[in-house]
N, C-alpha and C. Protein backbone atom coordinates (compact mmCIF):
# COMPACT_ATOMS: atom_id res chain seq x y z
N MET A 1 22.97 18.13 -39.78
CA MET A 1 22.97 18.98 -38.61
C MET A 1 23.58 18.20 -37.45
N LYS A 2 24.59 18.76 -36.84
CA LYS A 2 25.23 18.11 -35.71
C LYS A 2 24.66 18.67 -34.41
N THR A 3 24.58 17.80 -33.43
CA THR A 3 24.13 18.24 -32.11
C THR A 3 25.31 18.29 -31.17
N LYS A 4 25.20 19.09 -30.17
CA LYS A 4 26.27 19.18 -29.19
C LYS A 4 26.24 17.95 -28.29
N PRO A 5 27.40 17.43 -27.95
CA PRO A 5 27.40 16.29 -27.03
C PRO A 5 26.98 16.75 -25.64
N LEU A 6 26.31 15.87 -24.93
CA LEU A 6 25.87 16.18 -23.58
C LEU A 6 27.07 16.29 -22.66
N PRO A 7 27.05 17.21 -21.70
CA PRO A 7 28.18 17.33 -20.78
C PRO A 7 28.26 16.08 -19.90
N SER A 8 29.45 15.63 -19.70
CA SER A 8 29.67 14.43 -18.91
C SER A 8 29.59 14.77 -17.43
N ALA A 9 29.20 13.79 -16.62
CA ALA A 9 29.13 13.99 -15.17
C ALA A 9 30.53 14.07 -14.58
N ARG A 10 31.47 13.48 -15.29
CA ARG A 10 32.86 13.54 -14.81
C ARG A 10 33.52 14.81 -15.31
N THR A 11 34.43 15.30 -14.54
CA THR A 11 35.18 16.49 -14.94
C THR A 11 36.59 16.07 -15.28
N ALA A 12 37.35 16.99 -15.73
CA ALA A 12 38.75 16.69 -16.07
C ALA A 12 39.57 16.40 -14.83
N ALA A 13 39.02 16.70 -13.65
CA ALA A 13 39.77 16.49 -12.40
C ALA A 13 39.62 15.07 -11.89
N GLY A 14 39.20 14.16 -12.71
CA GLY A 14 39.15 12.75 -12.29
C GLY A 14 37.81 12.32 -11.73
N GLY A 15 36.73 13.00 -12.09
CA GLY A 15 35.43 12.55 -11.66
C GLY A 15 34.97 13.13 -10.34
N ARG A 16 35.63 14.11 -9.82
CA ARG A 16 35.24 14.69 -8.53
C ARG A 16 33.95 15.50 -8.65
N GLY A 17 33.61 15.92 -9.82
CA GLY A 17 32.39 16.70 -10.02
C GLY A 17 31.14 15.93 -9.66
N ARG A 18 31.17 14.65 -9.83
CA ARG A 18 30.01 13.83 -9.54
C ARG A 18 29.68 13.85 -8.05
N THR A 19 30.69 13.78 -7.19
CA THR A 19 30.41 13.83 -5.76
C THR A 19 29.92 15.21 -5.36
N ASN A 20 30.41 16.26 -6.01
CA ASN A 20 29.90 17.60 -5.73
C ASN A 20 28.44 17.71 -6.14
N GLU A 21 28.10 17.14 -7.28
CA GLU A 21 26.71 17.15 -7.73
C GLU A 21 25.83 16.38 -6.76
N ALA A 22 26.29 15.23 -6.31
CA ALA A 22 25.52 14.42 -5.38
C ALA A 22 25.37 15.15 -4.05
N SER A 23 26.44 15.81 -3.62
CA SER A 23 26.39 16.56 -2.38
C SER A 23 25.40 17.72 -2.48
N ALA A 24 25.45 18.43 -3.60
CA ALA A 24 24.53 19.55 -3.80
C ALA A 24 23.09 19.06 -3.85
N ALA A 25 22.87 17.94 -4.50
CA ALA A 25 21.52 17.38 -4.58
C ALA A 25 21.03 16.96 -3.20
N HIS A 26 21.91 16.37 -2.42
CA HIS A 26 21.54 15.93 -1.07
C HIS A 26 21.22 17.15 -0.19
N GLU A 27 22.02 18.19 -0.30
CA GLU A 27 21.76 19.41 0.48
C GLU A 27 20.42 20.03 0.08
N HIS A 28 20.14 20.06 -1.21
CA HIS A 28 18.87 20.60 -1.69
C HIS A 28 17.71 19.77 -1.15
N TYR A 29 17.87 18.46 -1.16
CA TYR A 29 16.83 17.56 -0.64
C TYR A 29 16.57 17.85 0.84
N GLN A 30 17.63 18.00 1.63
CA GLN A 30 17.48 18.26 3.06
C GLN A 30 16.79 19.61 3.30
N ARG A 31 17.19 20.65 2.54
CA ARG A 31 16.56 21.97 2.71
C ARG A 31 15.07 21.90 2.38
N GLU A 32 14.74 21.22 1.30
CA GLU A 32 13.33 21.11 0.88
C GLU A 32 12.54 20.31 1.91
N LYS A 33 13.13 19.27 2.45
CA LYS A 33 12.46 18.45 3.46
C LYS A 33 12.16 19.27 4.71
N GLU A 34 13.12 20.06 5.16
CA GLU A 34 12.91 20.92 6.32
C GLU A 34 11.86 21.99 6.05
N ARG A 35 11.88 22.56 4.84
CA ARG A 35 10.90 23.59 4.49
C ARG A 35 9.49 23.03 4.51
N ARG A 36 9.32 21.85 3.97
CA ARG A 36 7.99 21.24 3.94
C ARG A 36 7.53 20.80 5.33
N ALA A 37 8.47 20.43 6.20
CA ALA A 37 8.11 20.04 7.55
C ALA A 37 7.61 21.26 8.34
N ARG A 38 8.19 22.42 8.08
CA ARG A 38 7.76 23.64 8.78
C ARG A 38 6.39 24.10 8.31
N ARG A 39 6.09 23.89 7.06
CA ARG A 39 4.83 24.35 6.50
C ARG A 39 3.69 23.44 6.93
N GLN A 40 2.67 24.00 7.52
CA GLN A 40 1.51 23.23 7.97
C GLN A 40 0.45 23.30 6.87
N ALA A 41 -0.02 22.16 6.45
CA ALA A 41 -1.06 22.13 5.42
C ALA A 41 -2.35 22.69 6.01
N PRO A 42 -3.13 23.43 5.24
CA PRO A 42 -4.34 24.06 5.79
C PRO A 42 -5.39 23.06 6.25
N ASP A 43 -5.44 21.92 5.63
CA ASP A 43 -6.46 20.94 6.02
C ASP A 43 -5.87 19.75 6.75
N ALA A 44 -4.71 19.92 7.36
CA ALA A 44 -4.07 18.81 8.06
C ALA A 44 -4.90 18.37 9.27
N GLU A 45 -5.51 19.32 9.95
CA GLU A 45 -6.32 18.96 11.12
C GLU A 45 -7.57 18.18 10.70
N LEU A 46 -8.17 18.59 9.58
CA LEU A 46 -9.33 17.85 9.07
C LEU A 46 -8.95 16.42 8.69
N MET A 47 -7.77 16.28 8.08
CA MET A 47 -7.31 14.94 7.69
C MET A 47 -7.05 14.08 8.93
N GLU A 48 -6.48 14.67 9.97
CA GLU A 48 -6.22 13.93 11.21
C GLU A 48 -7.54 13.48 11.85
N ALA A 49 -8.54 14.36 11.85
CA ALA A 49 -9.84 14.00 12.41
C ALA A 49 -10.48 12.87 11.61
N ALA A 50 -10.39 12.95 10.30
CA ALA A 50 -10.95 11.89 9.46
C ALA A 50 -10.21 10.58 9.68
N LYS A 51 -8.90 10.66 9.86
CA LYS A 51 -8.11 9.45 10.09
C LYS A 51 -8.51 8.80 11.42
N ARG A 52 -8.68 9.63 12.47
CA ARG A 52 -9.10 9.08 13.76
C ARG A 52 -10.47 8.41 13.65
N GLU A 53 -11.39 9.06 12.94
CA GLU A 53 -12.73 8.51 12.77
C GLU A 53 -12.68 7.19 12.00
N TYR A 54 -11.87 7.13 10.97
CA TYR A 54 -11.74 5.92 10.16
C TYR A 54 -11.15 4.77 10.98
N LEU A 55 -10.11 5.07 11.77
CA LEU A 55 -9.51 4.02 12.60
C LEU A 55 -10.49 3.52 13.65
N ALA A 56 -11.30 4.42 14.21
CA ALA A 56 -12.32 4.00 15.17
C ALA A 56 -13.35 3.09 14.49
N LEU A 57 -13.71 3.43 13.26
CA LEU A 57 -14.65 2.59 12.51
C LEU A 57 -14.07 1.21 12.26
N LEU A 58 -12.79 1.15 11.90
CA LEU A 58 -12.14 -0.15 11.67
C LEU A 58 -12.11 -0.98 12.95
N GLU A 59 -11.82 -0.34 14.08
CA GLU A 59 -11.79 -1.07 15.35
C GLU A 59 -13.18 -1.61 15.70
N ALA A 60 -14.22 -0.82 15.44
CA ALA A 60 -15.58 -1.27 15.72
C ALA A 60 -15.95 -2.47 14.85
N GLU A 61 -15.55 -2.42 13.59
CA GLU A 61 -15.82 -3.54 12.69
C GLU A 61 -15.04 -4.78 13.10
N ALA A 62 -13.82 -4.61 13.58
CA ALA A 62 -13.00 -5.74 13.98
C ALA A 62 -13.59 -6.41 15.21
N ALA A 63 -14.23 -5.64 16.08
CA ALA A 63 -14.82 -6.21 17.30
C ALA A 63 -16.01 -7.09 16.97
N LYS A 64 -16.72 -6.79 15.89
CA LYS A 64 -17.87 -7.58 15.50
C LYS A 64 -17.47 -8.98 15.03
N GLY A 65 -16.31 -9.10 14.50
CA GLY A 65 -15.88 -10.38 13.97
C GLY A 65 -16.02 -10.41 12.46
N LYS A 66 -15.67 -11.52 11.91
CA LYS A 66 -15.73 -11.65 10.46
C LYS A 66 -17.16 -11.82 10.00
N GLY A 67 -17.42 -11.29 8.85
CA GLY A 67 -18.72 -11.48 8.23
C GLY A 67 -18.55 -12.40 7.04
N GLY A 68 -19.55 -12.41 6.21
CA GLY A 68 -19.43 -13.18 5.00
C GLY A 68 -20.18 -14.49 5.05
N ARG A 69 -19.92 -15.27 4.08
CA ARG A 69 -20.63 -16.52 3.88
C ARG A 69 -20.10 -17.59 4.84
N PRO A 70 -21.00 -18.37 5.44
CA PRO A 70 -20.52 -19.44 6.31
C PRO A 70 -19.85 -20.55 5.51
N LYS A 71 -18.95 -21.25 6.16
CA LYS A 71 -18.26 -22.35 5.48
C LYS A 71 -19.21 -23.51 5.22
N LYS A 72 -18.92 -24.25 4.18
CA LYS A 72 -19.73 -25.42 3.86
C LYS A 72 -19.48 -26.49 4.91
N LYS A 73 -20.54 -27.20 5.26
CA LYS A 73 -20.38 -28.30 6.21
C LYS A 73 -20.20 -29.58 5.40
N LEU A 74 -19.06 -30.19 5.56
CA LEU A 74 -18.78 -31.43 4.84
C LEU A 74 -19.37 -32.60 5.61
N GLU A 75 -19.90 -33.56 4.86
CA GLU A 75 -20.46 -34.74 5.52
C GLU A 75 -19.34 -35.61 6.05
N LYS A 76 -19.61 -36.30 7.11
CA LYS A 76 -18.62 -37.19 7.69
C LYS A 76 -18.46 -38.40 6.77
N PRO A 77 -17.25 -38.94 6.65
CA PRO A 77 -17.03 -40.05 5.73
C PRO A 77 -17.77 -41.33 6.12
N GLY A 78 -18.22 -41.50 7.36
CA GLY A 78 -18.86 -42.74 7.80
C GLY A 78 -20.35 -42.79 7.53
N THR A 79 -20.97 -41.76 6.96
CA THR A 79 -22.42 -41.78 6.74
C THR A 79 -22.74 -42.46 5.42
N ASP A 80 -23.98 -42.89 5.26
CA ASP A 80 -24.41 -43.50 4.00
C ASP A 80 -24.59 -42.41 2.97
N GLU A 81 -23.76 -42.42 1.99
CA GLU A 81 -23.83 -41.40 0.95
C GLU A 81 -24.87 -41.76 -0.10
N GLY A 82 -25.18 -43.02 -0.27
CA GLY A 82 -26.12 -43.46 -1.30
C GLY A 82 -27.55 -43.11 -0.96
N ASP A 83 -27.88 -42.95 0.31
CA ASP A 83 -29.26 -42.68 0.71
C ASP A 83 -29.67 -41.23 0.53
N ALA A 84 -28.73 -40.28 0.71
CA ALA A 84 -29.14 -38.88 0.75
C ALA A 84 -28.42 -38.04 -0.30
N GLN A 85 -28.18 -38.55 -1.48
CA GLN A 85 -27.55 -37.74 -2.52
C GLN A 85 -28.60 -37.01 -3.33
N GLU A 86 -28.24 -35.83 -3.79
CA GLU A 86 -29.17 -35.07 -4.61
C GLU A 86 -29.24 -35.70 -5.99
N GLY A 87 -30.40 -35.65 -6.62
CA GLY A 87 -30.56 -36.18 -7.95
C GLY A 87 -30.90 -37.67 -7.96
N ASP A 88 -30.71 -38.35 -6.85
CA ASP A 88 -31.04 -39.77 -6.76
C ASP A 88 -32.34 -39.97 -5.96
N ALA A 89 -33.15 -38.96 -5.86
CA ALA A 89 -34.39 -39.06 -5.09
C ALA A 89 -35.33 -40.03 -5.80
N PRO A 90 -36.03 -40.84 -5.05
CA PRO A 90 -36.97 -41.81 -5.68
C PRO A 90 -38.11 -41.08 -6.36
N GLU A 91 -38.41 -41.54 -7.54
CA GLU A 91 -39.51 -40.93 -8.30
C GLU A 91 -40.78 -41.63 -7.93
N GLY A 92 -41.81 -40.92 -7.84
CA GLY A 92 -42.99 -41.65 -7.50
C GLY A 92 -44.21 -40.98 -7.33
């Protein structure tokens, strides 16, 4: 069973069909973009309100500062390390 070859993007006129296809696709894209811009989503206002509330929450959290675990305090290199090490406590 033989299958038909797929039509080429180039035409017999030297490939000019491809620019026409690209032009038609671009025009379709622009029309669709304009159509969607005109159409207002039914819950767009609810989404905007939720977005404002979320951004306000983020700003409030940012004002508090960072949370989380405090950094470890490293001992200064000049202290006696032999006197206060864990596991070396005197038994008695």
